[in-house]
Amino acid sequence: MLSTHQAMHRRVQQDKKEVSHIIAGELHKLLHDAANIAGMTYRCKLTGHILPCINSKDIRLAWMQDGSEENMQRLAWMFYYYGTEIHRMGRSTLSHGEWVEQKVMTLLNVSYVHLRELPIGQRTCVHQLYSKKFNDFRTNIFRKNGSFTHRSMINVEQPKQTSLFNKNFKRGKSVFFVTLDVRDKTEWRKVSWPQA
């Protein structure tokens, strides 16, 4: 009995690893396309040339090198708007996460048995894994270290500075919060894509 349980657990872990690999590949494609559309660039450390961002490492370099408001808007659009809203209008009626979930289900030739019993607002295990992977990508790109030349930051959540924003503010899908100096709590501002 125990060996059957262990074998099933091993199989689940293998499937999870395969799903994670598929999701990571699709997220790399998403970030490449978004960086291309937004015109995101970085300066090559070796040649000094301005190059287009083609992967998450390049996007990180672009953020580390350029803390301007324009670059913050590009990043906000890439991480908080492109995969949800633009993907729905362009490729399909699904968000990128929903589209990747369908792709995973098709590739693995599986389906959910009790999906109708899932509470409203509850995400499936594949979509939860997609969200975790996407958040890991974003966290890694925005990771702070000693080589930063700016103090810029972008947030989807409203900063906890009560005197700057309405407490009951309902954020639109294209509204984000940026600061050019995270040390000064009064520097946070609302921005939107495209700039209205």
Protein backbone atom coordinates (compact mmCIF):
# COMPACT_ATOMS: atom_id res chain seq x y z
CA MET A 1 0.00 0.00 0.00
CA LEU A 2 2.77 2.44 0.92
CA SER A 3 4.71 1.77 -2.29
CA THR A 4 1.58 2.50 -4.36
CA HIS A 5 1.14 5.77 -2.50
CA GLN A 6 4.82 6.65 -3.02
CA ALA A 7 4.59 5.81 -6.73
CA MET A 8 1.50 8.02 -7.09
CA HIS A 9 3.25 10.84 -5.22
CA ARG A 10 6.30 10.52 -7.49
CA ARG A 11 4.04 10.67 -10.56
CA VAL A 12 2.30 13.80 -9.29
CA GLN A 13 5.67 15.45 -8.65
CA GLN A 14 6.87 14.53 -12.17
CA ASP A 15 3.69 15.96 -13.69
CA LYS A 16 4.05 19.13 -11.63
CA LYS A 17 7.65 19.52 -12.85
CA GLU A 18 6.57 19.04 -16.48
CA VAL A 19 3.72 21.54 -16.10
CA SER A 20 6.09 24.03 -14.48
CA HIS A 21 8.50 23.65 -17.41
CA ILE A 22 5.71 24.28 -19.97
CA ILE A 23 4.50 27.33 -18.02
CA ALA A 24 8.03 28.76 -17.77
CA GLY A 25 8.50 28.39 -21.53
CA GLU A 26 5.23 30.21 -22.24
CA LEU A 27 6.09 32.97 -19.76
CA HIS A 28 9.45 33.49 -21.49
CA LYS A 29 7.60 33.89 -24.79
CA LEU A 30 5.11 36.30 -23.21
CA LEU A 31 7.86 38.49 -21.75
CA HIS A 32 9.77 38.46 -25.04
CA ASP A 33 6.67 39.57 -26.98
CA ALA A 34 5.75 42.22 -24.39
CA ALA A 35 9.28 43.67 -24.31
CA ASN A 36 9.31 43.76 -28.10
CA ILE A 37 5.94 45.54 -28.31
CA ALA A 38 6.87 48.03 -25.55
CA GLY A 39 10.22 48.75 -27.21
CA MET A 40 12.19 47.87 -24.09
CA THR A 41 15.97 48.15 -24.47
CA TYR A 42 19.11 47.88 -22.36
CA ARG A 43 22.75 48.89 -22.75
CA CYS A 44 25.12 45.95 -23.32
CA LYS A 45 27.87 45.99 -20.70
CA LEU A 46 30.48 44.65 -23.16
CA THR A 47 29.84 46.71 -26.29
CA GLY A 48 27.92 49.69 -24.94
CA HIS A 49 25.31 49.23 -27.68
CA ILE A 50 21.60 49.68 -27.02
CA LEU A 51 19.94 46.31 -27.62
CA PRO A 52 16.31 45.12 -27.55
CA CYS A 53 15.28 42.99 -24.58
CA ILE A 54 14.74 39.39 -25.64
CA ASN A 55 14.58 37.58 -22.29
CA SER A 56 13.96 38.16 -18.59
CA LYS A 57 17.66 38.80 -17.92
CA ASP A 58 17.60 41.65 -20.46
CA ILE A 59 14.40 43.05 -18.94
CA ARG A 60 16.09 43.03 -15.53
CA LEU A 61 19.08 44.90 -16.97
CA ALA A 62 16.74 47.44 -18.59
CA TRP A 63 15.07 48.05 -15.24
CA MET A 64 18.38 48.27 -13.36
CA GLN A 65 19.80 50.75 -15.91
CA ASP A 66 16.73 52.93 -16.43
CA GLY A 67 14.48 53.97 -13.56
CA SER A 68 12.62 56.59 -15.59
CA GLU A 69 8.86 56.93 -15.39
CA GLU A 70 8.58 55.88 -19.03
CA ASN A 71 10.42 52.64 -18.30
CA MET A 72 8.28 52.05 -15.20
CA GLN A 73 5.18 52.35 -17.41
CA ARG A 74 6.62 49.79 -19.82
CA LEU A 75 7.22 47.37 -16.96
CA ALA A 76 3.75 47.93 -15.51
CA TRP A 77 2.20 47.27 -18.89
CA MET A 78 4.26 44.10 -19.36
CA PHE A 79 3.60 42.59 -15.95
CA TYR A 80 0.14 43.78 -15.04
CA TYR A 81 -1.72 44.44 -18.28
CA TYR A 82 -0.37 42.63 -21.34
CA GLY A 83 -0.92 39.04 -20.16
CA THR A 84 -4.44 39.69 -18.98
CA GLU A 85 -6.16 42.41 -21.00
CA ILE A 86 -4.19 42.58 -24.25
CA HIS A 87 -3.91 38.80 -24.57
CA ARG A 88 -7.71 38.55 -24.27
CA MET A 89 -8.20 41.00 -27.13
CA GLY A 90 -5.42 39.68 -29.35
CA ARG A 91 -4.82 35.94 -29.34
CA SER A 92 -8.00 34.65 -27.79
CA THR A 93 -10.80 35.49 -25.39
CA LEU A 94 -8.67 34.05 -22.58
CA SER A 95 -6.03 35.67 -20.40
CA HIS A 96 -2.51 34.34 -20.92
CA GLY A 97 -2.81 32.23 -17.76
CA GLU A 98 -6.06 30.64 -18.93
CA TRP A 99 -4.61 30.05 -22.40
CA VAL A 100 -1.49 28.37 -20.94
CA GLU A 101 -3.69 26.25 -18.68
CA GLN A 102 -5.62 24.97 -21.71
CA LYS A 103 -2.36 24.25 -23.51
CA VAL A 104 -1.02 22.29 -20.53
CA MET A 105 -4.23 20.27 -20.26
CA THR A 106 -4.09 19.45 -23.99
CA LEU A 107 -0.39 18.54 -23.99
CA LEU A 108 -0.76 16.25 -20.98
CA ASN A 109 -4.09 14.91 -22.28
CA VAL A 110 -5.83 15.46 -18.94
CA SER A 111 -9.02 17.10 -17.76
CA TYR A 112 -10.49 18.21 -14.47
CA VAL A 113 -13.07 15.90 -12.95
CA HIS A 114 -14.77 18.13 -10.37
CA LEU A 115 -14.22 21.56 -11.91
CA ARG A 116 -17.88 22.56 -11.54
CA GLU A 117 -17.60 22.07 -7.78
CA LEU A 118 -14.75 24.60 -7.55
CA PRO A 119 -15.94 27.70 -5.63
CA ILE A 120 -16.28 30.89 -7.67
CA GLY A 121 -13.01 32.80 -7.63
CA GLN A 122 -11.00 29.68 -6.71
CA ARG A 123 -8.22 28.89 -9.18
CA THR A 124 -7.30 25.46 -10.44
CA CYS A 125 -3.99 23.88 -9.46
CA VAL A 126 -2.49 24.60 -12.91
CA HIS A 127 -3.53 28.25 -12.76
CA GLN A 128 -2.12 28.53 -9.22
CA LEU A 129 1.19 27.14 -10.50
CA TYR A 130 1.08 29.63 -13.41
CA SER A 131 0.52 32.53 -10.97
CA LYS A 132 3.36 31.40 -8.72
CA LYS A 133 5.75 31.06 -11.68
CA PHE A 134 4.75 34.48 -13.06
CA ASN A 135 5.22 36.09 -9.64
CA ASP A 136 8.63 34.39 -9.34
CA PHE A 137 9.68 35.85 -12.72
CA ARG A 138 8.50 39.33 -11.73
CA THR A 139 10.13 39.14 -8.27
CA ASN A 140 13.42 38.04 -9.79
CA ILE A 141 13.39 40.88 -12.32
CA PHE A 142 12.59 43.49 -9.63
CA ARG A 143 15.08 42.04 -7.15
CA LYS A 144 17.18 44.76 -5.47
CA ASN A 145 20.94 44.48 -5.05
CA GLY A 146 23.95 46.76 -4.66
CA SER A 147 24.38 47.58 -8.36
CA PHE A 148 21.29 49.79 -8.65
CA THR A 149 21.69 53.35 -9.86
CA HIS A 150 18.09 54.41 -9.16
CA ARG A 151 15.40 54.09 -6.50
CA SER A 152 12.41 53.69 -8.80
CA MET A 153 9.68 51.18 -8.14
CA ILE A 154 6.34 50.20 -9.60
CA ASN A 155 3.41 48.66 -7.74
CA VAL A 156 -0.01 47.44 -8.66
CA GLU A 157 -1.15 47.94 -5.07
CA GLN A 158 -1.90 51.41 -3.75
CA PRO A 159 0.90 52.62 -1.45
CA LYS A 160 0.00 52.81 2.23
CA GLN A 161 0.38 56.59 2.31
CA THR A 162 -3.09 57.76 3.36
CA SER A 163 -2.58 61.44 2.60
CA LEU A 164 -1.76 60.83 -1.09
CA PHE A 165 -4.62 58.64 -2.33
CA ASN A 166 -8.28 58.06 -1.62
CA LYS A 167 -8.60 55.16 0.83
CA ASN A 168 -11.45 53.58 -1.16
CA PHE A 169 -9.82 54.09 -4.58
CA LYS A 170 -10.86 51.44 -7.12
CA ARG A 171 -7.85 50.81 -9.35
CA GLY A 172 -8.56 50.50 -13.06
CA LYS A 173 -6.75 47.75 -14.94
CA SER A 174 -4.41 50.24 -16.58
CA VAL A 175 -3.60 52.26 -13.43
CA PHE A 176 -0.37 51.66 -11.49
CA PHE A 177 1.67 53.42 -8.83
CA VAL A 178 5.25 54.57 -9.43
CA THR A 179 7.90 56.38 -7.49
CA LEU A 180 11.31 57.59 -8.52
CA ASP A 181 12.50 57.39 -4.90
CA VAL A 182 11.18 54.55 -2.72
CA ARG A 183 12.71 56.19 0.36
CA ASP A 184 10.36 59.18 0.10
CA LYS A 185 6.79 58.01 0.77
CA THR A 186 5.34 61.24 -0.66
CA GLU A 187 6.82 60.59 -4.13
CA TRP A 188 4.31 57.88 -5.17
CA ARG A 189 2.09 58.81 -8.14
CA LYS A 190 -0.65 57.16 -10.17
CA VAL A 191 0.16 56.44 -13.82
CA SER A 192 -1.74 54.65 -16.56
CA TRP A 193 -0.99 52.94 -19.84
CA PRO A 194 -1.35 54.50 -22.30
CA GLN A 195 -0.79 57.87 -20.65
CA ALA A 196 -4.17 59.62 -20.72
